[in-house]
Amino acid sequence: MRPFTAADFKSPESVEAIKKLYANHPVTAGYLVARLVHDLTLMEALPAHVARLGRWWVVWSAKDWMTEANSDRKSFDAFHRIVPLAAEGVVDHFRPEILLTTFAPDVATFDGAWIEWIKSSSSTPPSIGAELHASVYSFGGGGRAVLFTSPVSGGGTGDYAGI
């Protein structure tokens, strides 16, 4: 993988830039989950949990990492463009949400009350509310969950890992 330049972080064509960056590297659901959990650790957004609900992957943190610093405002920019990861000691690293938008067919985020659809492979986003609520509340409720469908086909349901 090539190093990032300042132009990568400012590109309005972030999804295309990410596709080029990962052109020779397969992106799996496992990679996306690992990248999310890794970055949640860097952002000190722990504890975190990972669950598989049917065809959905859910990564949840007790901390709502979409809240802007010193504000209650939510920002979903990281799903739509390359955003530098602002964490102590981190250099030339971007937030992972753009990877989901680029490679996963369906992407949403959930704050414990509302599902915000980022991307859907169908004209009507699927209903997963009851399963998602039950899963998030089993982790402790509140916080922030990101959910996505796998960029590659794979089996298994009900897989769970706590971190």
Foldseek 3Di string as FASTA:
>chain_A
DDFDDPCQQVDQPVLVVVCVVCVPPDDKPVNLQVLQVVLCVQVVQDFWKWFFAFQKIKIFGQAAPQQDPPGNDGDPVLLRGWACRDGPPDDRHTRSNVVQNNQFQWKWKDFQDDIGTPHHNDPDHDDPVVVVNVVQVVVPGGGMMMMTGISDDDDDHGDIDTD
